[in-house]
Structures are given as C-alpha cells and as structure tokens.
Amino acid sequence: MYKIFLYWFLFMFFSFQALAVSGNADKYEVTMKKVELCTSSACSSPTTVASGSQAVNIASLSAGAEAGAFGSTTGLPIGTTYTHLRVTLNRAMTIEGEVNVSGNNWCSTDSADAGTATALHVGTLDTDGTATDGTDQTLYLADADDYATDETITISYGSPSYAVSMSVGSPSASEVQLIYELSSAYISGVVAPKIKVSFDVSSALGAGIADTNVCYMWPEEPVVTISLTE
C-alpha cells in the first residue's frame, strides 16, 4: 500500500503596522480547476487526474468526499514514479466567518465590498464584544501589495514551508497554482489508488483593522491533507 500526504497552505502575511490576526472560517468554498501528478518539482510532464470546475466548501464535513470525487486516478501509467502534485484553483473564494481581532473588536464578513484582485473585502466591525454573524462573501487572493487607505496592511506571498512553489495569477490571471513535494514517492500499479482529503480551516480567515476602525478581510492558510491509498 502506498500513501501520499500533502499539506496545502496559502501563505499570506500582513504588515505589523496594522492590527491583524486569523480565525476560523464557518464557510470556505474554493473552486478546483485542475489536479495533476508530476514526476519532478518542475512538473514539466504532468499527468492530469482532474480537470473542470468543482466547488468545494472545505469547512463542511463532506468536503473530503467532494474533493476526492473530483479526480480519477484510473489509467495512471503503470510503473511511473510520482514525486509531486500540482493543483490549480480559482483565486475567488466564498467565505463566511467572524474573527476576534483584539479584545472586544470583531470583524465579520458581510454582503458589501467583495474582494477583488486589487481590493480586500471590507467587513463589519463590532466593538461591543459580540460579533455580527458573518454572511457569504467573495474574498480574493489579492495581488501582493499594500492595502487600506493608510496602506498599513501588506499582502505578500513568501516562500512556502510545505509547497515547492505558489504562483498567484497563473496559469491565468484568475487562478493560483501550487506544486507540492509528496512525503514519499508513489509508484503507480495495477490498482488505481483512492483519493482521501481532509481540511483544517481553524485559521483560514484573516482580518485586520486599519484606517479609522475599518475591517479588512482576506483568505488565510487553510490546511489540506491528501492521501492516496490502494
């Protein structure tokens, strides 16, 4: 039996000039576009196991089954050694949640000011210690830049600790592509492996208070564990 374990992080960092933290996402829906197995970190000759458009709420209990059903490992070339996996996602994500930024200050997703490639979502600020229930909103993996009117929130993409590479705006402007090294090489055999996926969104929603008590919100670090077992 062969197993592949993959940890997926979206690496986003904020400037310490602003008050910003991360918290749990009640809903975190991503759109998977393509999943590929690769024989090297360059992923120059990938084997596609899924292609199309599959929305998955990775905060739900059924997310693992939904994500696993997106791809099929049937027909993998027998004897091929796979060392990396590449996944392509849409940069737009539907997220709902509330984040305790500090003390009585809470930021919640709301129905106004959706995020874009060049703007963060502006949410609802509560200062009485009780958060307004968040609503579904489009949050975006924004371009690396300074945000807020006073430019005190900086979004940047550092060198991932787990992914080999992360390309925001690739292969198209609306997508993000990530390549991961598998914990151990997988040699394909006669039996097609099963894909099993689990998610952790306990710190997947970022929020910061900048300007004059304005809540800015963005996607943060969901953790995805993927295993292939025969």
C-alpha atoms as a PDB file:
ATOM      1  CA  MET A   1       0.000   0.000   0.000  1.00  0.00           C
ATOM      2  CA  TYR A   2       1.343   3.380  -0.965  1.00  0.00           C
ATOM      3  CA  LYS A   3       0.385   6.624   0.721  1.00  0.00           C
ATOM      4  CA  ILE A   4       0.820  10.250  -0.268  1.00  0.00           C
ATOM      5  CA  PHE A   5       0.445  13.003   2.319  1.00  0.00           C
ATOM      6  CA  LEU A   6       0.143  16.583   1.161  1.00  0.00           C
ATOM      7  CA  TYR A   7      -0.135  19.738   3.235  1.00  0.00           C
ATOM      8  CA  TRP A   8      -1.511  22.775   1.414  1.00  0.00           C
ATOM      9  CA  PHE A   9      -1.030  26.292   2.756  1.00  0.00           C
ATOM     10  CA  LEU A  10      -1.953  29.607   1.209  1.00  0.00           C
ATOM     11  CA  PHE A  11       0.818  31.809   2.515  1.00  0.00           C
ATOM     12  CA  MET A  12      -0.317  35.341   3.152  1.00  0.00           C
ATOM     13  CA  PHE A  13       1.304  37.765   5.536  1.00  0.00           C
ATOM     14  CA  PHE A  14       0.172  41.120   6.879  1.00  0.00           C
ATOM     15  CA  SER A  15       2.147  44.156   7.998  1.00  0.00           C
ATOM     16  CA  PHE A  16       2.557  44.582  11.753  1.00  0.00           C
ATOM     17  CA  GLN A  17       1.656  48.265  11.320  1.00  0.00           C
ATOM     18  CA  ALA A  18      -1.987  47.121  11.383  1.00  0.00           C
ATOM     19  CA  LEU A  19      -3.885  45.105  13.975  1.00  0.00           C
ATOM     20  CA  ALA A  20      -4.445  41.823  12.131  1.00  0.00           C
ATOM     21  CA  VAL A  21      -4.994  38.171  13.033  1.00  0.00           C
ATOM     22  CA  SER A  22      -6.529  34.991  11.613  1.00  0.00           C
ATOM     23  CA  GLY A  23      -9.513  32.967  12.773  1.00  0.00           C
ATOM     24  CA  ASN A  24     -11.918  30.181  11.923  1.00  0.00           C
ATOM     25  CA  ALA A  25     -13.933  30.233   8.692  1.00  0.00           C
ATOM     26  CA  ASP A  26     -17.508  28.935   9.057  1.00  0.00           C
ATOM     27  CA  LYS A  27     -17.597  28.523   5.273  1.00  0.00           C
ATOM     28  CA  TYR A  28     -14.639  28.372   2.889  1.00  0.00           C
ATOM     29  CA  GLU A  29     -15.638  27.421  -0.633  1.00  0.00           C
ATOM     30  CA  VAL A  30     -12.916  27.022  -3.228  1.00  0.00           C
ATOM     31  CA  THR A  31     -13.231  26.145  -6.901  1.00  0.00           C
ATOM     32  CA  MET A  32     -10.846  23.433  -8.006  1.00  0.00           C
ATOM     33  CA  LYS A  33      -9.850  23.690 -11.673  1.00  0.00           C
ATOM     34  CA  LYS A  34      -7.169  21.033 -12.171  1.00  0.00           C
ATOM     35  CA  VAL A  35      -5.188  18.430 -10.247  1.00  0.00           C
ATOM     36  CA  GLU A  36      -2.033  16.887 -11.722  1.00  0.00           C
ATOM     37  CA  LEU A  37       0.556  14.336 -10.622  1.00  0.00           C
ATOM     38  CA  CYS A  38       4.169  15.090 -11.530  1.00  0.00           C
ATOM     39  CA  THR A  39       7.414  13.153 -11.761  1.00  0.00           C
ATOM     40  CA  SER A  40       9.574  16.120 -10.686  1.00  0.00           C
ATOM     41  CA  SER A  41       9.311  19.512  -8.985  1.00  0.00           C
ATOM     42  CA  ALA A  42       9.344  21.185 -12.409  1.00  0.00           C
ATOM     43  CA  CYS A  43       6.119  19.345 -13.263  1.00  0.00           C
ATOM     44  CA  SER A  44       7.023  19.607 -16.933  1.00  0.00           C
ATOM     45  CA  SER A  45       5.187  16.417 -17.970  1.00  0.00           C
ATOM     46  CA  PRO A  46       2.199  16.173 -15.605  1.00  0.00           C
ATOM     47  CA  THR A  47      -0.494  13.518 -15.587  1.00  0.00           C
ATOM     48  CA  THR A  48      -3.917  15.141 -15.201  1.00  0.00           C
ATOM     49  CA  VAL A  49      -6.214  13.377 -12.732  1.00  0.00           C
ATOM     50  CA  ALA A  50      -8.924  16.061 -12.652  1.00  0.00           C
ATOM     51  CA  SER A  51      -9.942  18.965 -14.873  1.00  0.00           C
ATOM     52  CA  GLY A  52     -13.050  21.126 -14.972  1.00  0.00           C
ATOM     53  CA  SER A  53     -14.689  23.125 -12.214  1.00  0.00           C
ATOM     54  CA  GLN A  54     -15.570  21.694  -8.809  1.00  0.00           C
ATOM     55  CA  ALA A  55     -16.745  23.925  -5.944  1.00  0.00           C
ATOM     56  CA  VAL A  56     -15.942  22.509  -2.506  1.00  0.00           C
ATOM     57  CA  ASN A  57     -16.799  24.037   0.862  1.00  0.00           C
ATOM     58  CA  ILE A  58     -13.714  22.865   2.698  1.00  0.00           C
ATOM     59  CA  ALA A  59     -15.258  23.855   6.046  1.00  0.00           C
ATOM     60  CA  SER A  60     -18.018  21.236   5.698  1.00  0.00           C
ATOM     61  CA  LEU A  61     -17.945  17.664   6.948  1.00  0.00           C
ATOM     62  CA  SER A  62     -18.497  16.313   3.427  1.00  0.00           C
ATOM     63  CA  ALA A  63     -15.687  18.349   1.876  1.00  0.00           C
ATOM     64  CA  GLY A  64     -13.205  15.491   1.772  1.00  0.00           C
ATOM     65  CA  ALA A  65     -15.540  13.231  -0.183  1.00  0.00           C
ATOM     66  CA  GLU A  66     -16.482  16.036  -2.571  1.00  0.00           C
ATOM     67  CA  ALA A  67     -12.868  16.957  -3.274  1.00  0.00           C
ATOM     68  CA  GLY A  68     -11.831  13.313  -3.642  1.00  0.00           C
ATOM     69  CA  ALA A  69     -14.615  12.710  -6.141  1.00  0.00           C
ATOM     70  CA  PHE A  70     -13.308  15.493  -8.393  1.00  0.00           C
ATOM     71  CA  GLY A  71     -10.373  13.432  -9.635  1.00  0.00           C
ATOM     72  CA  SER A  72      -9.883   9.954 -11.035  1.00  0.00           C
ATOM     73  CA  THR A  73      -6.632   8.032 -10.808  1.00  0.00           C
ATOM     74  CA  THR A  74      -7.810   5.338 -13.211  1.00  0.00           C
ATOM     75  CA  GLY A  75      -5.346   4.733 -16.035  1.00  0.00           C
ATOM     76  CA  LEU A  76      -2.165   6.017 -14.407  1.00  0.00           C
ATOM     77  CA  PRO A  77       0.833   4.677 -16.347  1.00  0.00           C
ATOM     78  CA  ILE A  78       1.982   1.540 -14.525  1.00  0.00           C
ATOM     79  CA  GLY A  79       5.438   1.828 -13.012  1.00  0.00           C
ATOM     80  CA  THR A  80       5.580   5.628 -13.136  1.00  0.00           C
ATOM     81  CA  THR A  81       7.062   7.262 -10.041  1.00  0.00           C
ATOM     82  CA  TYR A  82       5.248  10.409  -8.947  1.00  0.00           C
ATOM     83  CA  THR A  83       7.040  12.791  -6.589  1.00  0.00           C
ATOM     84  CA  HIS A  84       4.950  15.984  -6.754  1.00  0.00           C
ATOM     85  CA  LEU A  85       1.365  17.172  -7.134  1.00  0.00           C
ATOM     86  CA  ARG A  86       0.143  20.376  -8.775  1.00  0.00           C
ATOM     87  CA  VAL A  87      -3.261  21.928  -8.117  1.00  0.00           C
ATOM     88  CA  THR A  88      -4.933  24.891  -9.834  1.00  0.00           C
ATOM     89  CA  LEU A  89      -7.619  26.881  -8.004  1.00  0.00           C
ATOM     90  CA  ASN A  90      -9.747  29.923  -8.746  1.00  0.00           C
ATOM     91  CA  ARG A  91      -8.474  32.942  -6.795  1.00  0.00           C
ATOM     92  CA  ALA A  92     -12.050  33.915  -5.857  1.00  0.00           C
ATOM     93  CA  MET A  93     -13.345  32.100  -2.764  1.00  0.00           C
ATOM     94  CA  THR A  94     -16.704  32.254  -0.990  1.00  0.00           C
ATOM     95  CA  ILE A  95     -16.022  32.698   2.709  1.00  0.00           C
ATOM     96  CA  GLU A  96     -18.149  33.334   5.781  1.00  0.00           C
ATOM     97  CA  GLY A  97     -16.928  33.945   9.290  1.00  0.00           C
ATOM     98  CA  GLU A  98     -16.109  36.176  12.228  1.00  0.00           C
ATOM     99  CA  VAL A  99     -12.652  36.964  13.629  1.00  0.00           C
ATOM    100  CA  ASN A 100     -11.798  38.342  17.064  1.00  0.00           C
ATOM    101  CA  VAL A 101      -9.120  40.841  16.113  1.00  0.00           C
ATOM    102  CA  SER A 102      -8.466  42.054  19.680  1.00  0.00           C
ATOM    103  CA  GLY A 103     -10.378  42.378  22.924  1.00  0.00           C
ATOM    104  CA  ASN A 104     -13.982  43.333  22.093  1.00  0.00           C
ATOM    105  CA  ASN A 105     -13.159  44.042  18.438  1.00  0.00           C
ATOM    106  CA  TRP A 106     -14.680  41.576  15.956  1.00  0.00           C
ATOM    107  CA  CYS A 107     -14.651  41.607  12.152  1.00  0.00           C
ATOM    108  CA  SER A 108     -17.368  39.728  10.221  1.00  0.00           C
ATOM    109  CA  THR A 109     -17.845  39.059   6.529  1.00  0.00           C
ATOM    110  CA  ASP A 110     -20.864  40.908   5.129  1.00  0.00           C
ATOM    111  CA  SER A 111     -22.694  41.469   1.834  1.00  0.00           C
ATOM    112  CA  ALA A 112     -20.842  44.638   0.767  1.00  0.00           C
ATOM    113  CA  ASP A 113     -17.459  45.279  -0.824  1.00  0.00           C
ATOM    114  CA  ALA A 114     -16.448  41.908  -2.245  1.00  0.00           C
ATOM    115  CA  GLY A 115     -12.740  41.288  -2.553  1.00  0.00           C
ATOM    116  CA  THR A 116     -11.021  41.532  -5.924  1.00  0.00           C
ATOM    117  CA  ALA A 117      -7.526  41.104  -7.320  1.00  0.00           C
ATOM    118  CA  THR A 118      -6.765  44.668  -6.206  1.00  0.00           C
ATOM    119  CA  ALA A 119      -9.002  45.138  -3.143  1.00  0.00           C
ATOM    120  CA  LEU A 120      -9.622  43.391   0.168  1.00  0.00           C
ATOM    121  CA  HIS A 121     -13.137  42.743   1.459  1.00  0.00           C
ATOM    122  CA  VAL A 122     -14.368  45.426   3.879  1.00  0.00           C
ATOM    123  CA  GLY A 123     -16.375  43.662   6.577  1.00  0.00           C
ATOM    124  CA  THR A 124     -18.433  44.668   9.610  1.00  0.00           C
ATOM    125  CA  LEU A 125     -16.694  45.892  12.769  1.00  0.00           C
ATOM    126  CA  ASP A 126     -18.254  45.235  16.184  1.00  0.00           C
ATOM    127  CA  THR A 127     -16.652  46.772  19.255  1.00  0.00           C
ATOM    128  CA  ASP A 128     -19.046  45.539  21.960  1.00  0.00           C
ATOM    129  CA  GLY A 129     -17.563  42.068  22.273  1.00  0.00           C
ATOM    130  CA  THR A 130     -20.308  40.344  20.279  1.00  0.00           C
ATOM    131  CA  ALA A 131     -19.727  39.605  16.609  1.00  0.00           C
ATOM    132  CA  THR A 132     -22.363  40.072  13.921  1.00  0.00           C
ATOM    133  CA  ASP A 133     -22.984  36.741  12.206  1.00  0.00           C
ATOM    134  CA  GLY A 134     -20.960  36.623   9.016  1.00  0.00           C
ATOM    135  CA  THR A 135     -22.575  36.219   5.605  1.00  0.00           C
ATOM    136  CA  ASP A 136     -21.289  34.617   2.420  1.00  0.00           C
ATOM    137  CA  GLN A 137     -18.875  36.895   0.600  1.00  0.00           C
ATOM    138  CA  THR A 138     -16.319  36.673  -2.186  1.00  0.00           C
ATOM    139  CA  LEU A 139     -12.816  37.021  -0.813  1.00  0.00           C
ATOM    140  CA  TYR A 140      -9.947  37.013  -3.251  1.00  0.00           C
ATOM    141  CA  LEU A 141      -6.282  36.094  -3.205  1.00  0.00           C
ATOM    142  CA  ALA A 142      -5.370  39.701  -3.867  1.00  0.00           C
ATOM    143  CA  ASP A 143      -2.272  40.850  -5.689  1.00  0.00           C
ATOM    144  CA  ALA A 144       0.772  41.334  -3.483  1.00  0.00           C
ATOM    145  CA  ASP A 145       0.544  44.984  -2.454  1.00  0.00           C
ATOM    146  CA  ASP A 146      -0.214  47.466   0.340  1.00  0.00           C
ATOM    147  CA  TYR A 147      -3.903  47.797   1.247  1.00  0.00           C
ATOM    148  CA  ALA A 148      -6.203  50.060   3.310  1.00  0.00           C
ATOM    149  CA  THR A 149      -6.347  53.805   2.767  1.00  0.00           C
ATOM    150  CA  ASP A 150      -3.354  54.249   5.048  1.00  0.00           C
ATOM    151  CA  GLU A 151      -1.591  51.296   3.329  1.00  0.00           C
ATOM    152  CA  THR A 152      -0.846  49.617   6.662  1.00  0.00           C
ATOM    153  CA  ILE A 153      -1.947  46.119   5.589  1.00  0.00           C
ATOM    154  CA  THR A 154       0.574  44.431   3.323  1.00  0.00           C
ATOM    155  CA  ILE A 155      -0.313  41.249   1.450  1.00  0.00           C
ATOM    156  CA  SER A 156       2.681  39.284   0.244  1.00  0.00           C
ATOM    157  CA  TYR A 157       3.451  35.693  -0.687  1.00  0.00           C
ATOM    158  CA  GLY A 158       6.599  34.306   0.896  1.00  0.00           C
ATOM    159  CA  SER A 159       8.439  31.089   0.245  1.00  0.00           C
ATOM    160  CA  PRO A 160       6.012  28.328   1.297  1.00  0.00           C
ATOM    161  CA  SER A 161       7.138  25.975   4.037  1.00  0.00           C
ATOM    162  CA  TYR A 162       5.313  22.998   2.561  1.00  0.00           C
ATOM    163  CA  ALA A 163       4.632  23.791  -1.096  1.00  0.00           C
ATOM    164  CA  VAL A 164       7.531  23.831  -3.530  1.00  0.00           C
ATOM    165  CA  SER A 165       6.033  26.843  -5.261  1.00  0.00           C
ATOM    166  CA  MET A 166       2.937  29.047  -5.344  1.00  0.00           C
ATOM    167  CA  SER A 167       2.044  31.149  -8.373  1.00  0.00           C
ATOM    168  CA  VAL A 168      -0.746  33.702  -7.901  1.00  0.00           C
ATOM    169  CA  GLY A 169      -2.219  34.772 -11.244  1.00  0.00           C
ATOM    170  CA  SER A 170      -1.077  31.611 -13.053  1.00  0.00           C
ATOM    171  CA  PRO A 171      -1.786  29.857 -15.369  1.00  0.00           C
ATOM    172  CA  SER A 172      -4.425  32.578 -15.914  1.00  0.00           C
ATOM    173  CA  ALA A 173      -4.954  35.887 -14.128  1.00  0.00           C
ATOM    174  CA  SER A 174      -7.928  34.485 -12.176  1.00  0.00           C
ATOM    175  CA  GLU A 175      -6.130  31.366 -10.905  1.00  0.00           C
ATOM    176  CA  VAL A 176      -3.493  30.267  -8.417  1.00  0.00           C
ATOM    177  CA  GLN A 177      -1.271  27.243  -8.965  1.00  0.00           C
ATOM    178  CA  LEU A 178       0.626  25.315  -6.305  1.00  0.00           C
ATOM    179  CA  ILE A 179       3.190  22.499  -6.527  1.00  0.00           C
ATOM    180  CA  TYR A 180       3.914  20.196  -3.584  1.00  0.00           C
ATOM    181  CA  GLU A 181       6.515  17.551  -2.889  1.00  0.00           C
ATOM    182  CA  LEU A 182       4.951  14.279  -1.780  1.00  0.00           C
ATOM    183  CA  SER A 183       6.133  12.939   1.572  1.00  0.00           C
ATOM    184  CA  SER A 184       7.172   9.783  -0.262  1.00  0.00           C
ATOM    185  CA  ALA A 185       7.255   8.818  -3.913  1.00  0.00           C
ATOM    186  CA  TYR A 186       4.236   6.956  -5.263  1.00  0.00           C
ATOM    187  CA  ILE A 187       4.760   4.205  -7.846  1.00  0.00           C
ATOM    188  CA  SER A 188       1.598   3.522  -9.821  1.00  0.00           C
ATOM    189  CA  GLY A 189       0.447  -0.056 -10.085  1.00  0.00           C
ATOM    190  CA  VAL A 190      -2.438  -2.091 -11.481  1.00  0.00           C
ATOM    191  CA  VAL A 191      -4.935  -0.902  -8.863  1.00  0.00           C
ATOM    192  CA  ALA A 192      -5.992   2.743  -9.114  1.00  0.00           C
ATOM    193  CA  PRO A 193      -5.428   4.495  -5.761  1.00  0.00           C
ATOM    194  CA  LYS A 194      -8.255   6.198  -3.888  1.00  0.00           C
ATOM    195  CA  ILE A 195      -8.045   9.904  -3.085  1.00  0.00           C
ATOM    196  CA  LYS A 196      -8.803  10.884   0.512  1.00  0.00           C
ATOM    197  CA  VAL A 197      -8.828  14.524   1.608  1.00  0.00           C
ATOM    198  CA  SER A 198      -9.259  16.364   4.920  1.00  0.00           C
ATOM    199  CA  PHE A 199      -9.227  20.086   5.691  1.00  0.00           C
ATOM    200  CA  ASP A 200      -8.489  22.449   8.578  1.00  0.00           C
ATOM    201  CA  VAL A 201      -9.902  25.992   8.375  1.00  0.00           C
ATOM    202  CA  SER A 202      -9.383  26.981  12.020  1.00  0.00           C
ATOM    203  CA  SER A 203      -7.092  29.833  10.971  1.00  0.00           C
ATOM    204  CA  ALA A 204      -8.238  30.286   7.384  1.00  0.00           C
ATOM    205  CA  LEU A 205      -9.823  33.747   7.625  1.00  0.00           C
ATOM    206  CA  GLY A 206      -7.629  36.817   8.006  1.00  0.00           C
ATOM    207  CA  ALA A 207      -8.827  40.162   9.361  1.00  0.00           C
ATOM    208  CA  GLY A 208      -7.195  43.474  10.159  1.00  0.00           C
ATOM    209  CA  ILE A 209      -8.368  46.830  11.500  1.00  0.00           C
ATOM    210  CA  ALA A 210      -6.829  49.804   9.716  1.00  0.00           C
ATOM    211  CA  ASP A 211      -7.661  53.402   8.772  1.00  0.00           C
ATOM    212  CA  THR A 212     -10.331  54.664  11.192  1.00  0.00           C
ATOM    213  CA  ASN A 213     -11.805  51.420  12.568  1.00  0.00           C
ATOM    214  CA  VAL A 214     -12.263  49.698   9.193  1.00  0.00           C
ATOM    215  CA  CYS A 215     -12.279  45.884   8.973  1.00  0.00           C
ATOM    216  CA  TYR A 216     -10.336  44.417   6.061  1.00  0.00           C
ATOM    217  CA  MET A 217     -10.614  40.659   5.444  1.00  0.00           C
ATOM    218  CA  TRP A 218      -8.891  38.094   3.216  1.00  0.00           C
ATOM    219  CA  PRO A 219      -8.351  34.326   2.740  1.00  0.00           C
ATOM    220  CA  GLU A 220      -5.729  32.783   5.040  1.00  0.00           C
ATOM    221  CA  GLU A 221      -3.936  29.440   5.330  1.00  0.00           C
ATOM    222  CA  PRO A 222      -6.375  26.556   5.013  1.00  0.00           C
ATOM    223  CA  VAL A 223      -4.584  23.264   5.609  1.00  0.00           C
ATOM    224  CA  VAL A 224      -5.374  20.387   3.257  1.00  0.00           C
ATOM    225  CA  THR A 225      -4.220  16.818   3.819  1.00  0.00           C
ATOM    226  CA  ILE A 226      -4.477  14.485   0.815  1.00  0.00           C
ATOM    227  CA  SER A 227      -3.729  10.787   0.817  1.00  0.00           C
ATOM    228  CA  LEU A 228      -3.743   8.225  -1.992  1.00  0.00           C
ATOM    229  CA  THR A 229      -4.293   4.669  -0.816  1.00  0.00           C
ATOM    230  CA  GLU A 230      -4.894   1.474  -2.740  1.00  0.00           C
END
